[in-house]
Structures are given as structure tokens and as C-alpha cells.
Amino acid sequence: LNTGLGKRKLELIILTHEHFDHSGMLAKLK
């Protein structure tokens, strides 16, 4: 994704709830 020059690719993750199918990649992405 083109996320902006000089910006971090991903700045914030919001979980709609913590079931594993919604949050399974959280540790790796962090």
C-alpha cells in the first residue's frame, strides 16, 4: 500500500474484539 511519504506504514491497530480470528496477527504486526 502507498501509505504516504515519510510516514510509518502502520501506526495504529484497533481490534473490534479479541477473538483469535480478528486478532491472530497482532503480535507479528506489532
ModelCIF file with pLDDT and N, C-alpha, C, O atoms, coordinates in Angstrom:
data_MODEL
#
_entry.id   MODEL 
#
_entity.id                         1 
_entity.type                       polymer 
_entity.pdbx_number_of_molecules   1 
#
_entity_poly.entity_id                      1 
_entity_poly.type                           'polypeptide(L)' 
_entity_poly.nstd_linkage                   no 
_entity_poly.nstd_monomer                   no 
_entity_poly.pdbx_seq_one_letter_code       LNTGLGKRKLELIILTHEHFDHSGMLAKLK 
_entity_poly.pdbx_seq_one_letter_code_can   LNTGLGKRKLELIILTHEHFDHSGMLAKLK 
_entity_poly.pdbx_strand_id                 A 
#
loop_
_entity_poly_seq.entity_id 
_entity_poly_seq.num 
_entity_poly_seq.mon_id 
_entity_poly_seq.hetero 
1 1  LEU n 
1 2  ASN n 
1 3  THR n 
1 4  GLY n 
1 5  LEU n 
1 6  GLY n 
1 7  LYS n 
1 8  ARG n 
1 9  LYS n 
1 10 LEU n 
1 11 GLU n 
1 12 LEU n 
1 13 ILE n 
1 14 ILE n 
1 15 LEU n 
1 16 THR n 
1 17 HIS n 
1 18 GLU n 
1 19 HIS n 
1 20 PHE n 
1 21 ASP n 
1 22 HIS n 
1 23 SER n 
1 24 GLY n 
1 25 MET n 
1 26 LEU n 
1 27 ALA n 
1 28 LYS n 
1 29 LEU n 
1 30 LYS n 
#
_struct_asym.id          A 
_struct_asym.entity_id   1 
#
loop_
_ma_qa_metric.id 
_ma_qa_metric.mode 
_ma_qa_metric.name 
_ma_qa_metric.software_group_id 
_ma_qa_metric.type 
1 global pLDDT . pLDDT 
2 local  pLDDT . pLDDT 
#
_ma_qa_metric_global.metric_id      1 
_ma_qa_metric_global.metric_value   96.43 
_ma_qa_metric_global.model_id       1 
_ma_qa_metric_global.ordinal_id     1 
#
loop_
_ma_qa_metric_local.label_asym_id 
_ma_qa_metric_local.label_comp_id 
_ma_qa_metric_local.label_seq_id 
_ma_qa_metric_local.metric_id 
_ma_qa_metric_local.metric_value 
_ma_qa_metric_local.model_id 
_ma_qa_metric_local.ordinal_id 
A LEU 1  2 97.00 1 1  
A ASN 2  2 96.00 1 2  
A THR 3  2 96.00 1 3  
A GLY 4  2 93.00 1 4  
A LEU 5  2 91.00 1 5  
A GLY 6  2 91.00 1 6  
A LYS 7  2 94.00 1 7  
A ARG 8  2 95.00 1 8  
A LYS 9  2 97.00 1 9  
A LEU 10 2 98.00 1 10 
A GLU 11 2 98.00 1 11 
A LEU 12 2 98.00 1 12 
A ILE 13 2 98.00 1 13 
A ILE 14 2 98.00 1 14 
A LEU 15 2 98.00 1 15 
A THR 16 2 97.00 1 16 
A HIS 17 2 97.00 1 17 
A GLU 18 2 94.00 1 18 
A HIS 19 2 95.00 1 19 
A PHE 20 2 96.00 1 20 
A ASP 21 2 97.00 1 21 
A HIS 22 2 97.00 1 22 
A SER 23 2 97.00 1 23 
A GLY 24 2 97.00 1 24 
A MET 25 2 98.00 1 25 
A LEU 26 2 98.00 1 26 
A ALA 27 2 98.00 1 27 
A LYS 28 2 98.00 1 28 
A LEU 29 2 98.00 1 29 
A LYS 30 2 98.00 1 30 
#
loop_
_atom_site.group_PDB 
_atom_site.id 
_atom_site.type_symbol 
_atom_site.label_atom_id 
_atom_site.label_alt_id 
_atom_site.label_comp_id 
_atom_site.label_asym_id 
_atom_site.label_entity_id 
_atom_site.label_seq_id 
_atom_site.pdbx_PDB_ins_code 
_atom_site.Cartn_x 
_atom_site.Cartn_y 
_atom_site.Cartn_z 
_atom_site.occupancy 
_atom_site.B_iso_or_equiv 
_atom_site.pdbx_formal_charge 
_atom_site.auth_seq_id 
_atom_site.auth_comp_id 
_atom_site.auth_asym_id 
_atom_site.auth_atom_id 
_atom_site.pdbx_PDB_model_num 
ATOM 1   N N  . LEU A 1 1  ? 0.831   -1.202  0.000  1.00 97.00 ? 1  LEU A N  1 
ATOM 2   C CA . LEU A 1 1  ? 0.000   0.000   0.000  1.00 97.00 ? 1  LEU A CA 1 
ATOM 3   C C  . LEU A 1 1  ? 0.868   1.257   0.000  1.00 97.00 ? 1  LEU A C  1 
ATOM 4   O O  . LEU A 1 1  ? 1.924   1.294   0.633  1.00 97.00 ? 1  LEU A O  1 
ATOM 5   N N  . ASN A 1 2  ? 0.414   2.279   -0.713 1.00 96.00 ? 2  ASN A N  1 
ATOM 6   C CA . ASN A 1 2  ? 1.057   3.588   -0.655 1.00 96.00 ? 2  ASN A CA 1 
ATOM 7   C C  . ASN A 1 2  ? 0.494   4.305   0.572  1.00 96.00 ? 2  ASN A C  1 
ATOM 8   O O  . ASN A 1 2  ? -0.644  4.774   0.557  1.00 96.00 ? 2  ASN A O  1 
ATOM 9   N N  . THR A 1 3  ? 1.293   4.387   1.627  1.00 96.00 ? 3  THR A N  1 
ATOM 10  C CA . THR A 1 3  ? 0.794   4.920   2.895  1.00 96.00 ? 3  THR A CA 1 
ATOM 11  C C  . THR A 1 3  ? 1.331   6.310   3.218  1.00 96.00 ? 3  THR A C  1 
ATOM 12  O O  . THR A 1 3  ? 1.111   6.810   4.321  1.00 96.00 ? 3  THR A O  1 
ATOM 13  N N  . GLY A 1 4  ? 2.019   6.934   2.292  1.00 93.00 ? 4  GLY A N  1 
ATOM 14  C CA . GLY A 1 4  ? 2.470   8.297   2.491  1.00 93.00 ? 4  GLY A CA 1 
ATOM 15  C C  . GLY A 1 4  ? 3.968   8.409   2.688  1.00 93.00 ? 4  GLY A C  1 
ATOM 16  O O  . GLY A 1 4  ? 4.566   7.641   3.442  1.00 93.00 ? 4  GLY A O  1 
ATOM 17  N N  . LEU A 1 5  ? 4.559   9.353   2.019  1.00 91.00 ? 5  LEU A N  1 
ATOM 18  C CA . LEU A 1 5  ? 5.993   9.613   2.087  1.00 91.00 ? 5  LEU A CA 1 
ATOM 19  C C  . LEU A 1 5  ? 6.378   10.113  3.475  1.00 91.00 ? 5  LEU A C  1 
ATOM 20  O O  . LEU A 1 5  ? 5.775   11.055  3.989  1.00 91.00 ? 5  LEU A O  1 
ATOM 21  N N  . GLY A 1 6  ? 7.374   9.485   4.075  1.00 91.00 ? 6  GLY A N  1 
ATOM 22  C CA . GLY A 1 6  ? 7.850   9.900   5.388  1.00 91.00 ? 6  GLY A CA 1 
ATOM 23  C C  . GLY A 1 6  ? 6.979   9.435   6.534  1.00 91.00 ? 6  GLY A C  1 
ATOM 24  O O  . GLY A 1 6  ? 7.178   9.853   7.674  1.00 91.00 ? 6  GLY A O  1 
ATOM 25  N N  . LYS A 1 7  ? 6.015   8.574   6.247  1.00 94.00 ? 7  LYS A N  1 
ATOM 26  C CA . LYS A 1 7  ? 5.103   8.094   7.280  1.00 94.00 ? 7  LYS A CA 1 
ATOM 27  C C  . LYS A 1 7  ? 5.393   6.635   7.591  1.00 94.00 ? 7  LYS A C  1 
ATOM 28  O O  . LYS A 1 7  ? 5.942   5.911   6.760  1.00 94.00 ? 7  LYS A O  1 
ATOM 29  N N  . ARG A 1 8  ? 5.026   6.213   8.774  1.00 95.00 ? 8  ARG A N  1 
ATOM 30  C CA . ARG A 1 8  ? 5.083   4.788   9.120  1.00 95.00 ? 8  ARG A CA 1 
ATOM 31  C C  . ARG A 1 8  ? 3.955   4.068   8.388  1.00 95.00 ? 8  ARG A C  1 
ATOM 32  O O  . ARG A 1 8  ? 2.852   4.599   8.254  1.00 95.00 ? 8  ARG A O  1 
ATOM 33  N N  . LYS A 1 9  ? 4.237   2.872   7.922  1.00 97.00 ? 9  LYS A N  1 
ATOM 34  C CA . LYS A 1 9  ? 3.242   2.078   7.187  1.00 97.00 ? 9  LYS A CA 1 
ATOM 35  C C  . LYS A 1 9  ? 1.983   1.852   8.016  1.00 97.00 ? 9  LYS A C  1 
ATOM 36  O O  . LYS A 1 9  ? 0.866   1.979   7.516  1.00 97.00 ? 9  LYS A O  1 
ATOM 37  N N  . LEU A 1 10 ? 2.176   1.520   9.273  1.00 98.00 ? 10 LEU A N  1 
ATOM 38  C CA . LEU A 1 10 ? 1.054   1.203   10.158 1.00 98.00 ? 10 LEU A CA 1 
ATOM 39  C C  . LEU A 1 10 ? 1.313   1.849   11.508 1.00 98.00 ? 10 LEU A C  1 
ATOM 40  O O  . LEU A 1 10 ? 2.300   1.547   12.179 1.00 98.00 ? 10 LEU A O  1 
ATOM 41  N N  . GLU A 1 11 ? 0.407   2.745   11.897 1.00 98.00 ? 11 GLU A N  1 
ATOM 42  C CA . GLU A 1 11 ? 0.593   3.496   13.135 1.00 98.00 ? 11 GLU A CA 1 
ATOM 43  C C  . GLU A 1 11 ? -0.302  3.023   14.274 1.00 98.00 ? 11 GLU A C  1 
ATOM 44  O O  . GLU A 1 11 ? 0.032   3.192   15.447 1.00 98.00 ? 11 GLU A O  1 
ATOM 45  N N  . LEU A 1 12 ? -1.446  2.426   13.921 1.00 98.00 ? 12 LEU A N  1 
ATOM 46  C CA . LEU A 1 12 ? -2.420  2.060   14.939 1.00 98.00 ? 12 LEU A CA 1 
ATOM 47  C C  . LEU A 1 12 ? -3.204  0.835   14.481 1.00 98.00 ? 12 LEU A C  1 
ATOM 48  O O  . LEU A 1 12 ? -3.600  0.736   13.320 1.00 98.00 ? 12 LEU A O  1 
ATOM 49  N N  . ILE A 1 13 ? -3.422  -0.092  15.405 1.00 98.00 ? 13 ILE A N  1 
ATOM 50  C CA . ILE A 1 13 ? -4.310  -1.235  15.183 1.00 98.00 ? 13 ILE A CA 1 
ATOM 51  C C  . ILE A 1 13 ? -5.447  -1.121  16.184 1.00 98.00 ? 13 ILE A C  1 
ATOM 52  O O  . ILE A 1 13 ? -5.220  -0.908  17.375 1.00 98.00 ? 13 ILE A O  1 
ATOM 53  N N  . ILE A 1 14 ? -6.670  -1.263  15.693 1.00 98.00 ? 14 ILE A N  1 
ATOM 54  C CA . ILE A 1 14 ? -7.845  -1.280  16.563 1.00 98.00 ? 14 ILE A CA 1 
ATOM 55  C C  . ILE A 1 14 ? -8.504  -2.651  16.393 1.00 98.00 ? 14 ILE A C  1 
ATOM 56  O O  . ILE A 1 14 ? -8.802  -3.075  15.277 1.00 98.00 ? 14 ILE A O  1 
ATOM 57  N N  . LEU A 1 15 ? -8.720  -3.324  17.502 1.00 98.00 ? 15 LEU A N  1 
ATOM 58  C CA . LEU A 1 15 ? -9.414  -4.611  17.460 1.00 98.00 ? 15 LEU A CA 1 
ATOM 59  C C  . LEU A 1 15 ? -10.887 -4.407  17.785 1.00 98.00 ? 15 LEU A C  1 
ATOM 60  O O  . LEU A 1 15 ? -11.227 -3.788  18.793 1.00 98.00 ? 15 LEU A O  1 
ATOM 61  N N  . THR A 1 16 ? -11.756 -4.928  16.931 1.00 97.00 ? 16 THR A N  1 
ATOM 62  C CA . THR A 1 16 ? -13.191 -4.820  17.191 1.00 97.00 ? 16 THR A CA 1 
ATOM 63  C C  . THR A 1 16 ? -13.611 -5.745  18.320 1.00 97.00 ? 16 THR A C  1 
ATOM 64  O O  . THR A 1 16 ? -14.617 -5.497  18.986 1.00 97.00 ? 16 THR A O  1 
ATOM 65  N N  . HIS A 1 17 ? -12.855 -6.800  18.539 1.00 97.00 ? 17 HIS A N  1 
ATOM 66  C CA . HIS A 1 17 ? -12.925 -7.673  19.706 1.00 97.00 ? 17 HIS A CA 1 
ATOM 67  C C  . HIS A 1 17 ? -11.739 -8.622  19.601 1.00 97.00 ? 17 HIS A C  1 
ATOM 68  O O  . HIS A 1 17 ? -11.071 -8.674  18.569 1.00 97.00 ? 17 HIS A O  1 
ATOM 69  N N  . GLU A 1 18 ? -11.477 -9.367  20.662 1.00 94.00 ? 18 GLU A N  1 
ATOM 70  C CA . GLU A 1 18 ? -10.216 -10.114 20.693 1.00 94.00 ? 18 GLU A CA 1 
ATOM 71  C C  . GLU A 1 18 ? -10.330 -11.595 20.364 1.00 94.00 ? 18 GLU A C  1 
ATOM 72  O O  . GLU A 1 18 ? -9.455  -12.367 20.756 1.00 94.00 ? 18 GLU A O  1 
ATOM 73  N N  . HIS A 1 19 ? -11.361 -12.016 19.669 1.00 95.00 ? 19 HIS A N  1 
ATOM 74  C CA . HIS A 1 19 ? -11.387 -13.406 19.206 1.00 95.00 ? 19 HIS A CA 1 
ATOM 75  C C  . HIS A 1 19 ? -10.214 -13.633 18.260 1.00 95.00 ? 19 HIS A C  1 
ATOM 76  O O  . HIS A 1 19 ? -9.819  -12.726 17.528 1.00 95.00 ? 19 HIS A O  1 
ATOM 77  N N  . PHE A 1 20 ? -9.655  -14.849 18.272 1.00 96.00 ? 20 PHE A N  1 
ATOM 78  C CA . PHE A 1 20 ? -8.420  -15.131 17.548 1.00 96.00 ? 20 PHE A CA 1 
ATOM 79  C C  . PHE A 1 20 ? -8.515  -14.873 16.045 1.00 96.00 ? 20 PHE A C  1 
ATOM 80  O O  . PHE A 1 20 ? -7.506  -14.548 15.421 1.00 96.00 ? 20 PHE A O  1 
ATOM 81  N N  . ASP A 1 21 ? -9.697  -15.009 15.449 1.00 97.00 ? 21 ASP A N  1 
ATOM 82  C CA . ASP A 1 21 ? -9.815  -14.762 14.010 1.00 97.00 ? 21 ASP A CA 1 
ATOM 83  C C  . ASP A 1 21 ? -9.765  -13.271 13.677 1.00 97.00 ? 21 ASP A C  1 
ATOM 84  O O  . ASP A 1 21 ? -9.624  -12.906 12.510 1.00 97.00 ? 21 ASP A O  1 
ATOM 85  N N  . HIS A 1 22 ? -9.879  -12.414 14.679 1.00 97.00 ? 22 HIS A N  1 
ATOM 86  C CA . HIS A 1 22 ? -9.770  -10.965 14.490 1.00 97.00 ? 22 HIS A CA 1 
ATOM 87  C C  . HIS A 1 22 ? -8.421  -10.422 14.959 1.00 97.00 ? 22 HIS A C  1 
ATOM 88  O O  . HIS A 1 22 ? -8.014  -9.334  14.551 1.00 97.00 ? 22 HIS A O  1 
ATOM 89  N N  . SER A 1 23 ? -7.731  -11.170 15.811 1.00 97.00 ? 23 SER A N  1 
ATOM 90  C CA . SER A 1 23 ? -6.508  -10.629 16.428 1.00 97.00 ? 23 SER A CA 1 
ATOM 91  C C  . SER A 1 23 ? -5.278  -11.520 16.259 1.00 97.00 ? 23 SER A C  1 
ATOM 92  O O  . SER A 1 23 ? -4.237  -11.238 16.853 1.00 97.00 ? 23 SER A O  1 
ATOM 93  N N  . GLY A 1 24 ? -5.371  -12.569 15.477 1.00 97.00 ? 24 GLY A N  1 
ATOM 94  C CA . GLY A 1 24 ? -4.303  -13.558 15.387 1.00 97.00 ? 24 GLY A CA 1 
ATOM 95  C C  . GLY A 1 24 ? -2.953  -13.038 14.932 1.00 97.00 ? 24 GLY A C  1 
ATOM 96  O O  . GLY A 1 24 ? -1.922  -13.575 15.334 1.00 97.00 ? 24 GLY A O  1 
ATOM 97  N N  . MET A 1 25 ? -2.936  -12.012 14.108 1.00 98.00 ? 25 MET A N  1 
ATOM 98  C CA . MET A 1 25 ? -1.659  -11.475 13.601 1.00 98.00 ? 25 MET A CA 1 
ATOM 99  C C  . MET A 1 25 ? -1.165  -10.272 14.410 1.00 98.00 ? 25 MET A C  1 
ATOM 100 O O  . MET A 1 25 ? -0.187  -9.633  14.022 1.00 98.00 ? 25 MET A O  1 
ATOM 101 N N  . LEU A 1 26 ? -1.819  -9.960  15.515 1.00 98.00 ? 26 LEU A N  1 
ATOM 102 C CA . LEU A 1 26 ? -1.459  -8.774  16.288 1.00 98.00 ? 26 LEU A CA 1 
ATOM 103 C C  . LEU A 1 26 ? 0.002   -8.779  16.719 1.00 98.00 ? 26 LEU A C  1 
ATOM 104 O O  . LEU A 1 26 ? 0.702   -7.790  16.504 1.00 98.00 ? 26 LEU A O  1 
ATOM 105 N N  . ALA A 1 27 ? 0.474   -9.848  17.312 1.00 98.00 ? 27 ALA A N  1 
ATOM 106 C CA . ALA A 1 27 ? 1.858   -9.894  17.806 1.00 98.00 ? 27 ALA A CA 1 
ATOM 107 C C  . ALA A 1 27 ? 2.852   -9.686  16.674 1.00 98.00 ? 27 ALA A C  1 
ATOM 108 O O  . ALA A 1 27 ? 3.802   -8.918  16.824 1.00 98.00 ? 27 ALA A O  1 
ATOM 109 N N  . LYS A 1 28 ? 2.651   -10.354 15.551 1.00 98.00 ? 28 LYS A N  1 
ATOM 110 C CA . LYS A 1 28 ? 3.585   -10.239 14.421 1.00 98.00 ? 28 LYS A CA 1 
ATOM 111 C C  . LYS A 1 28 ? 3.565   -8.832  13.827 1.00 98.00 ? 28 LYS A C  1 
ATOM 112 O O  . LYS A 1 28 ? 4.620   -8.285  13.506 1.00 98.00 ? 28 LYS A O  1 
ATOM 113 N N  . LEU A 1 29 ? 2.398   -8.250  13.679 1.00 98.00 ? 29 LEU A N  1 
ATOM 114 C CA . LEU A 1 29 ? 2.304   -6.895  13.125 1.00 98.00 ? 29 LEU A CA 1 
ATOM 115 C C  . LEU A 1 29 ? 2.924   -5.870  14.066 1.00 98.00 ? 29 LEU A C  1 
ATOM 116 O O  . LEU A 1 29 ? 3.550   -4.912  13.613 1.00 98.00 ? 29 LEU A O  1 
ATOM 117 N N  . LYS A 1 30 ? 2.755   -6.060  15.361 1.00 98.00 ? 30 LYS A N  1 
ATOM 118 C CA . LYS A 1 30 ? 3.387   -5.151  16.328 1.00 98.00 ? 30 LYS A CA 1 
ATOM 119 C C  . LYS A 1 30 ? 4.907   -5.276  16.250 1.00 98.00 ? 30 LYS A C  1 
ATOM 120 O O  . LYS A 1 30 ? 5.621   -4.593  16.985 1.00 98.00 ? 30 LYS A O  1 
#
